[in-house]
Amino acid sequence: MRREINDSPRLRSCSRTAAARLFFVIAGLFVASLICPPPLRAGAPVNSLVGKEAPRFVRTDLAGRKIDLKAYRGKVVLLNFWATWCAPCKVELPHFAGWQKQYGPQGLEIIAVSMDDDVTPVRATVRKLELNFPAVMGDEKIGSQYGGVLGLPVTYLIDRDGIIRQRLEGETDLGELESTVVKLLAGK
């Protein structure tokens, strides 16, 4: 009686084990792609908001003032999504405070949107970094309005007409960003 090699119990067991391993590898890669999406480059075209009017929002800042994005028409707005646990965010924010002081008289307005869940560490960080621009609390709704804020920091540059000119995600070249701000302030 001749037995087929492919029909041996040992080979069938190996095939099932290999199939199970392959299934778990594929499932793991799928889950990882959901949890850790690929990073976006500065100005990447994935966000359909670039070139369109910035979505309007009204929030109360940490000082209790109403911040209505529409009221900033005529100004260049640097809208920065950040969090207290984000190291690159804490590097950028003091630079933004310097820019607010330097370029504010020319029409720059910076708004920081914290994506933290708790306001207490946000207040402490704003005080520690001596931010001179409004900080508001963000949430899933405002994140969705701005195309999904999946990684931080995310910065939008909005021109004087309320049109989003650039989206930057992740750690950015502050020199290039400042240069773009200056061009927008000059109407270029």
N, C-alpha and C. Protein backbone atom coordinates (compact mmCIF):
# COMPACT_ATOMS: atom_id res chain seq x y z
N MET A 1 0.84 -1.17 0.00
CA MET A 1 0.00 0.00 0.00
C MET A 1 0.89 1.24 0.00
N ARG A 2 0.71 2.01 -0.98
CA ARG A 2 1.51 3.20 -1.14
C ARG A 2 0.82 4.39 -0.51
N ARG A 3 1.56 5.10 0.30
CA ARG A 3 0.99 6.27 0.99
C ARG A 3 1.55 7.53 0.37
N GLU A 4 0.68 8.49 0.08
CA GLU A 4 1.11 9.76 -0.49
C GLU A 4 1.83 10.57 0.58
N ILE A 5 2.92 11.20 0.20
CA ILE A 5 3.68 12.03 1.13
C ILE A 5 2.83 13.19 1.63
N ASN A 6 2.04 13.78 0.75
CA ASN A 6 1.22 14.93 1.12
C ASN A 6 0.11 14.58 2.10
N ASP A 7 -0.17 13.29 2.25
CA ASP A 7 -1.27 12.88 3.08
C ASP A 7 -0.81 12.44 4.48
N SER A 8 0.45 12.65 4.80
CA SER A 8 0.92 12.20 6.11
C SER A 8 0.37 13.10 7.20
N PRO A 9 0.03 12.54 8.38
CA PRO A 9 -0.50 13.35 9.49
C PRO A 9 0.48 14.43 9.93
N ARG A 10 1.75 14.12 9.89
CA ARG A 10 2.76 15.10 10.31
C ARG A 10 2.76 16.30 9.37
N LEU A 11 2.70 16.06 8.07
CA LEU A 11 2.69 17.15 7.09
C LEU A 11 1.42 17.98 7.21
N ARG A 12 0.27 17.32 7.44
CA ARG A 12 -0.97 18.06 7.62
C ARG A 12 -0.89 18.95 8.86
N SER A 13 -0.28 18.46 9.91
CA SER A 13 -0.11 19.24 11.14
C SER A 13 0.79 20.45 10.88
N CYS A 14 1.87 20.26 10.13
CA CYS A 14 2.76 21.37 9.78
C CYS A 14 2.04 22.40 8.93
N SER A 15 1.23 21.93 7.99
CA SER A 15 0.49 22.85 7.13
C SER A 15 -0.48 23.69 7.93
N ARG A 16 -1.16 23.05 8.90
CA ARG A 16 -2.10 23.81 9.73
C ARG A 16 -1.35 24.83 10.58
N THR A 17 -0.21 24.44 11.12
CA THR A 17 0.59 25.35 11.94
C THR A 17 1.09 26.52 11.10
N ALA A 18 1.58 26.25 9.91
CA ALA A 18 2.06 27.32 9.03
C ALA A 18 0.91 28.24 8.63
N ALA A 19 -0.25 27.68 8.35
CA ALA A 19 -1.40 28.50 7.98
C ALA A 19 -1.83 29.38 9.16
N ALA A 20 -1.80 28.82 10.35
CA ALA A 20 -2.16 29.61 11.54
C ALA A 20 -1.17 30.74 11.75
N ARG A 21 0.11 30.44 11.61
CA ARG A 21 1.13 31.49 11.77
C ARG A 21 0.94 32.59 10.74
N LEU A 22 0.69 32.21 9.50
CA LEU A 22 0.48 33.19 8.43
C LEU A 22 -0.74 34.05 8.73
N PHE A 23 -1.81 33.43 9.22
CA PHE A 23 -3.01 34.18 9.57
C PHE A 23 -2.69 35.22 10.64
N PHE A 24 -1.97 34.82 11.70
CA PHE A 24 -1.66 35.75 12.78
C PHE A 24 -0.71 36.86 12.34
N VAL A 25 0.20 36.56 11.45
CA VAL A 25 1.10 37.60 10.92
C VAL A 25 0.29 38.62 10.13
N ILE A 26 -0.58 38.14 9.26
CA ILE A 26 -1.40 39.06 8.45
C ILE A 26 -2.34 39.87 9.35
N ALA A 27 -2.97 39.21 10.31
CA ALA A 27 -3.86 39.92 11.23
C ALA A 27 -3.09 40.97 12.03
N GLY A 28 -1.89 40.61 12.47
CA GLY A 28 -1.06 41.56 13.22
C GLY A 28 -0.68 42.77 12.38
N LEU A 29 -0.33 42.54 11.13
CA LEU A 29 0.01 43.66 10.25
C LEU A 29 -1.20 44.56 10.01
N PHE A 30 -2.36 43.96 9.87
CA PHE A 30 -3.58 44.74 9.67
C PHE A 30 -3.86 45.61 10.89
N VAL A 31 -3.81 45.03 12.07
CA VAL A 31 -4.05 45.79 13.31
C VAL A 31 -3.01 46.89 13.45
N ALA A 32 -1.74 46.59 13.18
CA ALA A 32 -0.68 47.60 13.28
C ALA A 32 -0.93 48.75 12.31
N SER A 33 -1.45 48.46 11.12
CA SER A 33 -1.72 49.54 10.16
C SER A 33 -2.84 50.45 10.64
N LEU A 34 -3.76 49.91 11.43
CA LEU A 34 -4.83 50.74 11.98
C LEU A 34 -4.33 51.59 13.15
N ILE A 35 -3.48 51.02 13.97
CA ILE A 35 -2.98 51.71 15.16
C ILE A 35 -1.91 52.72 14.80
N CYS A 36 -1.03 52.38 13.89
CA CYS A 36 0.12 53.23 13.54
C CYS A 36 0.08 53.54 12.05
N PRO A 37 -0.73 54.50 11.63
CA PRO A 37 -0.77 54.84 10.21
C PRO A 37 0.57 55.42 9.77
N PRO A 38 0.88 55.33 8.49
CA PRO A 38 2.15 55.87 8.02
C PRO A 38 2.23 57.37 8.28
N PRO A 39 3.43 57.87 8.59
CA PRO A 39 3.56 59.30 8.86
C PRO A 39 3.30 60.13 7.61
N LEU A 40 2.79 61.32 7.83
CA LEU A 40 2.54 62.24 6.72
C LEU A 40 3.70 63.20 6.60
N ARG A 41 4.00 63.58 5.39
CA ARG A 41 5.03 64.60 5.16
C ARG A 41 4.38 65.97 5.22
N ALA A 42 5.19 66.97 5.51
CA ALA A 42 4.69 68.35 5.54
C ALA A 42 4.06 68.67 4.20
N GLY A 43 2.85 69.21 4.24
CA GLY A 43 2.18 69.61 3.02
C GLY A 43 1.67 68.45 2.18
N ALA A 44 1.62 67.24 2.75
CA ALA A 44 1.19 66.08 1.99
C ALA A 44 -0.26 66.29 1.52
N PRO A 45 -0.59 65.81 0.32
CA PRO A 45 -1.90 66.07 -0.24
C PRO A 45 -3.00 65.20 0.34
N VAL A 46 -2.74 64.41 1.40
CA VAL A 46 -3.78 63.55 1.94
C VAL A 46 -4.91 64.35 2.55
N ASN A 47 -4.68 65.56 2.93
CA ASN A 47 -5.73 66.35 3.55
C ASN A 47 -6.39 67.21 2.48
N SER A 48 -7.66 66.95 2.25
CA SER A 48 -8.37 67.67 1.20
C SER A 48 -8.71 69.10 1.59
N LEU A 49 -8.35 69.54 2.80
CA LEU A 49 -8.66 70.89 3.24
C LEU A 49 -7.71 71.95 2.68
N VAL A 50 -6.52 71.57 2.28
CA VAL A 50 -5.56 72.54 1.74
C VAL A 50 -6.16 73.18 0.49
N GLY A 51 -6.20 74.52 0.50
CA GLY A 51 -6.79 75.26 -0.61
C GLY A 51 -8.27 75.57 -0.40
N LYS A 52 -8.81 75.10 0.72
CA LYS A 52 -10.23 75.33 1.02
C LYS A 52 -10.36 76.19 2.28
N GLU A 53 -11.57 76.69 2.50
CA GLU A 53 -11.84 77.49 3.68
C GLU A 53 -11.67 76.64 4.94
N ALA A 54 -11.00 77.21 5.94
CA ALA A 54 -10.80 76.51 7.20
C ALA A 54 -12.13 76.27 7.89
N PRO A 55 -12.37 75.06 8.39
CA PRO A 55 -13.62 74.80 9.11
C PRO A 55 -13.74 75.72 10.33
N ARG A 56 -14.91 76.29 10.48
CA ARG A 56 -15.14 77.22 11.59
C ARG A 56 -15.33 76.45 12.89
N PHE A 57 -14.81 77.01 13.95
CA PHE A 57 -15.08 76.48 15.28
C PHE A 57 -15.14 77.65 16.26
N VAL A 58 -15.86 77.43 17.33
CA VAL A 58 -15.94 78.40 18.42
C VAL A 58 -15.64 77.62 19.69
N ARG A 59 -14.63 78.06 20.41
CA ARG A 59 -14.21 77.41 21.66
C ARG A 59 -13.93 78.48 22.69
N THR A 60 -13.93 78.08 23.94
CA THR A 60 -13.54 78.97 25.02
C THR A 60 -12.10 78.64 25.37
N ASP A 61 -11.23 79.66 25.41
CA ASP A 61 -9.83 79.39 25.72
C ASP A 61 -9.65 79.21 27.23
N LEU A 62 -8.44 78.91 27.64
CA LEU A 62 -8.16 78.63 29.05
C LEU A 62 -8.38 79.84 29.94
N ALA A 63 -8.37 81.04 29.34
CA ALA A 63 -8.61 82.26 30.11
C ALA A 63 -10.09 82.63 30.15
N GLY A 64 -10.94 81.81 29.52
CA GLY A 64 -12.38 82.07 29.53
C GLY A 64 -12.89 82.94 28.40
N ARG A 65 -12.02 83.28 27.44
CA ARG A 65 -12.44 84.10 26.30
C ARG A 65 -12.98 83.22 25.17
N LYS A 66 -13.98 83.74 24.44
CA LYS A 66 -14.53 83.03 23.30
C LYS A 66 -13.59 83.18 22.11
N ILE A 67 -13.18 82.07 21.53
CA ILE A 67 -12.32 82.07 20.35
C ILE A 67 -13.15 81.56 19.18
N ASP A 68 -13.43 82.45 18.24
CA ASP A 68 -14.20 82.13 17.05
C ASP A 68 -13.26 82.30 15.86
N LEU A 69 -12.96 81.21 15.19
CA LEU A 69 -12.00 81.27 14.08
C LEU A 69 -12.42 82.28 13.02
N LYS A 70 -13.71 82.43 12.80
CA LYS A 70 -14.18 83.37 11.77
C LYS A 70 -13.78 84.81 12.12
N ALA A 71 -13.68 85.13 13.40
CA ALA A 71 -13.31 86.48 13.83
C ALA A 71 -11.85 86.81 13.48
N TYR A 72 -11.07 85.81 13.07
CA TYR A 72 -9.67 86.03 12.73
C TYR A 72 -9.46 86.33 11.25
N ARG A 73 -10.54 86.49 10.48
CA ARG A 73 -10.39 86.86 9.07
C ARG A 73 -9.62 88.15 8.98
N GLY A 74 -8.74 88.24 8.00
CA GLY A 74 -7.88 89.41 7.86
C GLY A 74 -6.54 89.19 8.54
N LYS A 75 -6.41 88.10 9.28
CA LYS A 75 -5.16 87.74 9.96
C LYS A 75 -4.63 86.45 9.34
N VAL A 76 -3.34 86.22 9.49
CA VAL A 76 -2.75 84.92 9.16
C VAL A 76 -2.81 84.11 10.45
N VAL A 77 -3.39 82.92 10.36
CA VAL A 77 -3.56 82.09 11.55
C VAL A 77 -2.68 80.86 11.47
N LEU A 78 -1.92 80.63 12.53
CA LEU A 78 -1.18 79.39 12.69
C LEU A 78 -1.98 78.59 13.73
N LEU A 79 -2.65 77.56 13.27
CA LEU A 79 -3.50 76.73 14.12
C LEU A 79 -2.73 75.45 14.43
N ASN A 80 -2.38 75.28 15.70
CA ASN A 80 -1.50 74.18 16.10
C ASN A 80 -2.22 73.21 17.03
N PHE A 81 -2.33 71.95 16.60
CA PHE A 81 -2.86 70.88 17.43
C PHE A 81 -1.68 70.25 18.17
N TRP A 82 -1.79 70.11 19.48
CA TRP A 82 -0.67 69.65 20.29
C TRP A 82 -1.20 68.89 21.52
N ALA A 83 -0.28 68.38 22.33
CA ALA A 83 -0.63 67.75 23.60
C ALA A 83 0.55 67.89 24.56
N THR A 84 0.26 67.82 25.85
CA THR A 84 1.30 68.00 26.86
C THR A 84 2.33 66.87 26.85
N TRP A 85 1.97 65.70 26.38
CA TRP A 85 2.87 64.55 26.35
C TRP A 85 3.70 64.48 25.06
N CYS A 86 3.49 65.41 24.16
CA CYS A 86 4.15 65.42 22.85
C CYS A 86 5.44 66.24 22.91
N ALA A 87 6.59 65.56 22.83
CA ALA A 87 7.88 66.25 22.94
C ALA A 87 8.09 67.30 21.84
N PRO A 88 7.85 66.98 20.54
CA PRO A 88 8.04 68.00 19.51
C PRO A 88 7.11 69.21 19.71
N CYS A 89 5.93 68.96 20.26
CA CYS A 89 4.99 70.07 20.53
C CYS A 89 5.61 71.05 21.51
N LYS A 90 6.23 70.52 22.55
CA LYS A 90 6.80 71.39 23.59
C LYS A 90 8.06 72.11 23.10
N VAL A 91 8.63 71.63 22.01
CA VAL A 91 9.74 72.35 21.38
C VAL A 91 9.20 73.49 20.52
N GLU A 92 8.12 73.23 19.79
CA GLU A 92 7.55 74.23 18.88
C GLU A 92 6.88 75.40 19.60
N LEU A 93 6.11 75.11 20.62
CA LEU A 93 5.27 76.13 21.26
C LEU A 93 6.04 77.37 21.71
N PRO A 94 7.22 77.26 22.35
CA PRO A 94 7.95 78.48 22.71
C PRO A 94 8.37 79.31 21.48
N HIS A 95 8.69 78.63 20.38
CA HIS A 95 9.01 79.35 19.14
C HIS A 95 7.79 80.11 18.65
N PHE A 96 6.64 79.46 18.73
CA PHE A 96 5.40 80.12 18.30
C PHE A 96 5.12 81.35 19.17
N ALA A 97 5.42 81.26 20.46
CA ALA A 97 5.23 82.42 21.35
C ALA A 97 6.13 83.57 20.89
N GLY A 98 7.35 83.26 20.49
CA GLY A 98 8.26 84.29 19.96
C GLY A 98 7.72 84.90 18.68
N TRP A 99 7.18 84.05 17.82
CA TRP A 99 6.61 84.55 16.56
C TRP A 99 5.39 85.42 16.82
N GLN A 100 4.58 85.04 17.81
CA GLN A 100 3.39 85.85 18.12
C GLN A 100 3.82 87.25 18.53
N LYS A 101 4.87 87.31 19.33
CA LYS A 101 5.37 88.62 19.77
C LYS A 101 5.96 89.40 18.60
N GLN A 102 6.75 88.72 17.77
CA GLN A 102 7.43 89.39 16.67
C GLN A 102 6.49 89.75 15.52
N TYR A 103 5.63 88.81 15.12
CA TYR A 103 4.82 89.00 13.92
C TYR A 103 3.36 89.37 14.21
N GLY A 104 2.96 89.32 15.47
CA GLY A 104 1.59 89.69 15.83
C GLY A 104 1.18 91.06 15.31
N PRO A 105 2.05 92.07 15.45
CA PRO A 105 1.70 93.40 14.94
C PRO A 105 1.49 93.44 13.41
N GLN A 106 2.05 92.43 12.70
CA GLN A 106 1.86 92.35 11.25
C GLN A 106 0.64 91.52 10.86
N GLY A 107 -0.02 90.94 11.86
CA GLY A 107 -1.25 90.21 11.56
C GLY A 107 -1.21 88.72 11.83
N LEU A 108 -0.19 88.21 12.51
CA LEU A 108 -0.15 86.79 12.84
C LEU A 108 -0.95 86.53 14.11
N GLU A 109 -1.77 85.51 14.09
CA GLU A 109 -2.49 85.04 15.27
C GLU A 109 -2.26 83.54 15.39
N ILE A 110 -1.84 83.13 16.55
CA ILE A 110 -1.61 81.71 16.80
C ILE A 110 -2.69 81.21 17.74
N ILE A 111 -3.23 80.04 17.43
CA ILE A 111 -4.20 79.38 18.29
C ILE A 111 -3.70 77.97 18.54
N ALA A 112 -3.57 77.59 19.80
CA ALA A 112 -3.13 76.25 20.17
C ALA A 112 -4.35 75.43 20.58
N VAL A 113 -4.49 74.26 19.98
CA VAL A 113 -5.60 73.36 20.30
C VAL A 113 -5.02 72.13 20.97
N SER A 114 -5.21 72.04 22.29
CA SER A 114 -4.69 70.89 23.02
C SER A 114 -5.62 69.70 22.84
N MET A 115 -5.02 68.56 22.49
CA MET A 115 -5.79 67.33 22.31
C MET A 115 -5.72 66.46 23.57
N ASP A 116 -5.29 67.05 24.68
CA ASP A 116 -5.28 66.33 25.96
C ASP A 116 -6.72 66.11 26.42
N ASP A 117 -6.90 65.10 27.26
CA ASP A 117 -8.22 64.81 27.82
C ASP A 117 -8.51 65.64 29.07
N ASP A 118 -7.47 66.08 29.75
CA ASP A 118 -7.63 66.78 31.02
C ASP A 118 -7.02 68.18 30.92
N VAL A 119 -7.73 69.19 31.36
CA VAL A 119 -7.28 70.57 31.25
C VAL A 119 -6.16 70.90 32.25
N THR A 120 -6.06 70.17 33.34
CA THR A 120 -5.08 70.51 34.39
C THR A 120 -3.64 70.53 33.87
N PRO A 121 -3.15 69.48 33.20
CA PRO A 121 -1.78 69.55 32.70
C PRO A 121 -1.60 70.58 31.58
N VAL A 122 -2.68 70.86 30.86
CA VAL A 122 -2.62 71.87 29.79
C VAL A 122 -2.38 73.25 30.40
N ARG A 123 -3.14 73.57 31.44
CA ARG A 123 -2.95 74.86 32.13
C ARG A 123 -1.51 74.98 32.64
N ALA A 124 -1.00 73.92 33.24
CA ALA A 124 0.36 73.95 33.79
C ALA A 124 1.39 74.15 32.68
N THR A 125 1.22 73.48 31.56
CA THR A 125 2.16 73.61 30.45
C THR A 125 2.10 75.01 29.82
N VAL A 126 0.90 75.54 29.66
CA VAL A 126 0.74 76.89 29.09
C VAL A 126 1.43 77.91 29.99
N ARG A 127 1.28 77.75 31.30
CA ARG A 127 1.94 78.66 32.24
C ARG A 127 3.46 78.50 32.19
N LYS A 128 3.91 77.25 32.21
CA LYS A 128 5.35 76.96 32.22
C LYS A 128 6.03 77.51 30.96
N LEU A 129 5.39 77.33 29.81
CA LEU A 129 5.97 77.78 28.54
C LEU A 129 5.69 79.26 28.25
N GLU A 130 4.91 79.90 29.13
CA GLU A 130 4.58 81.32 29.01
C GLU A 130 4.01 81.66 27.63
N LEU A 131 3.00 80.88 27.23
CA LEU A 131 2.39 81.10 25.92
C LEU A 131 1.58 82.39 25.92
N ASN A 132 1.75 83.18 24.87
CA ASN A 132 1.10 84.49 24.75
C ASN A 132 0.01 84.49 23.68
N PHE A 133 -0.57 83.34 23.44
CA PHE A 133 -1.64 83.19 22.47
C PHE A 133 -2.68 82.25 23.06
N PRO A 134 -3.90 82.28 22.53
CA PRO A 134 -4.97 81.46 23.11
C PRO A 134 -4.72 79.96 22.97
N ALA A 135 -5.07 79.24 24.02
CA ALA A 135 -5.04 77.78 24.01
C ALA A 135 -6.45 77.30 24.32
N VAL A 136 -6.97 76.44 23.48
CA VAL A 136 -8.31 75.87 23.67
C VAL A 136 -8.18 74.36 23.77
N MET A 137 -9.18 73.74 24.35
CA MET A 137 -9.21 72.29 24.43
C MET A 137 -9.86 71.74 23.17
N GLY A 138 -9.22 70.74 22.60
CA GLY A 138 -9.75 70.08 21.42
C GLY A 138 -10.44 68.79 21.80
N ASP A 139 -11.06 68.18 20.81
CA ASP A 139 -11.72 66.90 21.00
C ASP A 139 -11.84 66.22 19.65
N GLU A 140 -12.52 65.08 19.65
CA GLU A 140 -12.66 64.32 18.41
C GLU A 140 -13.38 65.13 17.32
N LYS A 141 -14.35 65.95 17.71
CA LYS A 141 -15.12 66.73 16.73
C LYS A 141 -14.23 67.70 15.96
N ILE A 142 -13.43 68.49 16.68
CA ILE A 142 -12.57 69.45 15.98
C ILE A 142 -11.47 68.72 15.21
N GLY A 143 -10.99 67.60 15.77
CA GLY A 143 -10.01 66.80 15.05
C GLY A 143 -10.56 66.30 13.72
N SER A 144 -11.81 65.85 13.74
CA SER A 144 -12.46 65.37 12.51
C SER A 144 -12.69 66.51 11.52
N GLN A 145 -13.07 67.68 12.04
CA GLN A 145 -13.28 68.83 11.15
C GLN A 145 -12.02 69.14 10.36
N TYR A 146 -10.87 68.90 10.99
CA TYR A 146 -9.59 69.21 10.35
C TYR A 146 -8.93 67.97 9.75
N GLY A 147 -9.74 67.06 9.26
CA GLY A 147 -9.24 65.95 8.48
C GLY A 147 -8.67 64.81 9.29
N GLY A 148 -8.89 64.81 10.58
CA GLY A 148 -8.35 63.75 11.42
C GLY A 148 -6.98 64.13 11.93
N VAL A 149 -6.88 64.27 13.21
CA VAL A 149 -5.60 64.61 13.84
C VAL A 149 -5.12 63.33 14.51
N LEU A 150 -4.37 62.52 13.75
CA LEU A 150 -3.96 61.20 14.23
C LEU A 150 -2.61 61.22 14.91
N GLY A 151 -1.77 62.14 14.57
CA GLY A 151 -0.46 62.28 15.18
C GLY A 151 -0.26 63.73 15.54
N LEU A 152 0.60 63.97 16.47
CA LEU A 152 0.83 65.35 16.90
C LEU A 152 2.31 65.67 16.80
N PRO A 153 2.65 66.91 16.59
CA PRO A 153 1.78 68.05 16.33
C PRO A 153 1.26 68.07 14.89
N VAL A 154 0.17 68.77 14.71
CA VAL A 154 -0.39 69.06 13.39
C VAL A 154 -0.61 70.56 13.35
N THR A 155 -0.08 71.21 12.32
CA THR A 155 -0.18 72.66 12.21
C THR A 155 -0.79 73.03 10.87
N TYR A 156 -1.74 73.97 10.93
CA TYR A 156 -2.36 74.51 9.73
C TYR A 156 -1.97 75.98 9.62
N LEU A 157 -1.63 76.39 8.41
CA LEU A 157 -1.43 77.82 8.13
C LEU A 157 -2.62 78.28 7.31
N ILE A 158 -3.29 79.29 7.84
CA ILE A 158 -4.52 79.80 7.23
C ILE A 158 -4.27 81.25 6.82
N ASP A 159 -4.56 81.57 5.57
CA ASP A 159 -4.27 82.92 5.08
C ASP A 159 -5.33 83.93 5.55
N ARG A 160 -5.14 85.17 5.17
CA ARG A 160 -6.01 86.26 5.62
C ARG A 160 -7.46 86.12 5.14
N ASP A 161 -7.66 85.32 4.10
CA ASP A 161 -9.01 85.08 3.59
C ASP A 161 -9.67 83.85 4.21
N GLY A 162 -8.98 83.21 5.15
CA GLY A 162 -9.53 82.03 5.81
C GLY A 162 -9.30 80.74 5.06
N ILE A 163 -8.39 80.76 4.09
CA ILE A 163 -8.10 79.58 3.27
C ILE A 163 -6.88 78.86 3.85
N ILE A 164 -7.00 77.55 4.00
CA ILE A 164 -5.87 76.75 4.50
C ILE A 164 -4.83 76.67 3.39
N ARG A 165 -3.63 77.11 3.68
CA ARG A 165 -2.54 77.12 2.69
C ARG A 165 -1.57 75.97 2.90
N GLN A 166 -1.51 75.45 4.11
CA GLN A 166 -0.55 74.37 4.36
C GLN A 166 -0.97 73.57 5.58
N ARG A 167 -0.71 72.28 5.53
CA ARG A 167 -0.87 71.38 6.68
C ARG A 167 0.47 70.72 6.91
N LEU A 168 0.93 70.78 8.13
CA LEU A 168 2.20 70.17 8.51
C LEU A 168 1.94 69.19 9.64
N GLU A 169 2.44 67.99 9.50
CA GLU A 169 2.22 66.99 10.53
C GLU A 169 3.56 66.46 11.02
N GLY A 170 3.67 66.36 12.33
CA GLY A 170 4.89 65.87 12.93
C GLY A 170 5.87 67.00 13.15
N GLU A 171 7.06 66.61 13.53
CA GLU A 171 8.12 67.59 13.79
C GLU A 171 8.44 68.32 12.49
N THR A 172 8.42 69.64 12.53
CA THR A 172 8.62 70.42 11.31
C THR A 172 9.90 71.23 11.38
N ASP A 173 10.36 71.65 10.22
CA ASP A 173 11.50 72.55 10.14
C ASP A 173 10.98 73.94 10.47
N LEU A 174 11.32 74.43 11.66
CA LEU A 174 10.80 75.71 12.13
C LEU A 174 11.25 76.87 11.26
N GLY A 175 12.45 76.78 10.67
CA GLY A 175 12.93 77.83 9.77
C GLY A 175 12.06 77.95 8.53
N GLU A 176 11.72 76.80 7.94
CA GLU A 176 10.85 76.80 6.76
C GLU A 176 9.45 77.28 7.11
N LEU A 177 8.96 76.84 8.27
CA LEU A 177 7.63 77.26 8.70
C LEU A 177 7.58 78.77 8.92
N GLU A 178 8.60 79.31 9.56
CA GLU A 178 8.64 80.76 9.78
C GLU A 178 8.69 81.50 8.45
N SER A 179 9.46 80.98 7.51
CA SER A 179 9.56 81.60 6.20
C SER A 179 8.19 81.63 5.50
N THR A 180 7.45 80.56 5.62
CA THR A 180 6.11 80.51 5.03
C THR A 180 5.17 81.49 5.72
N VAL A 181 5.27 81.59 7.04
CA VAL A 181 4.46 82.57 7.79
C VAL A 181 4.75 83.98 7.29
N VAL A 182 6.01 84.31 7.14
CA VAL A 182 6.41 85.64 6.68
C VAL A 182 5.85 85.92 5.28
N LYS A 183 5.90 84.92 4.40
CA LYS A 183 5.35 85.09 3.05
C LYS A 183 3.85 85.34 3.10
N LEU A 184 3.15 84.58 3.93
CA LEU A 184 1.70 84.78 4.05
C LEU A 184 1.38 86.17 4.60
N LEU A 185 2.17 86.61 5.57
CA LEU A 185 1.96 87.94 6.12
C LEU A 185 2.16 89.03 5.07
N ALA A 186 3.09 88.77 4.13
CA ALA A 186 3.37 89.72 3.05
C ALA A 186 2.36 89.59 1.90
N GLY A 187 1.45 88.62 2.02
CA GLY A 187 0.44 88.44 0.96
C GLY A 187 0.93 87.63 -0.22
N LYS A 188 1.97 86.86 -0.01
CA LYS A 188 2.51 86.04 -1.12
C LYS A 188 2.05 84.62 -1.03
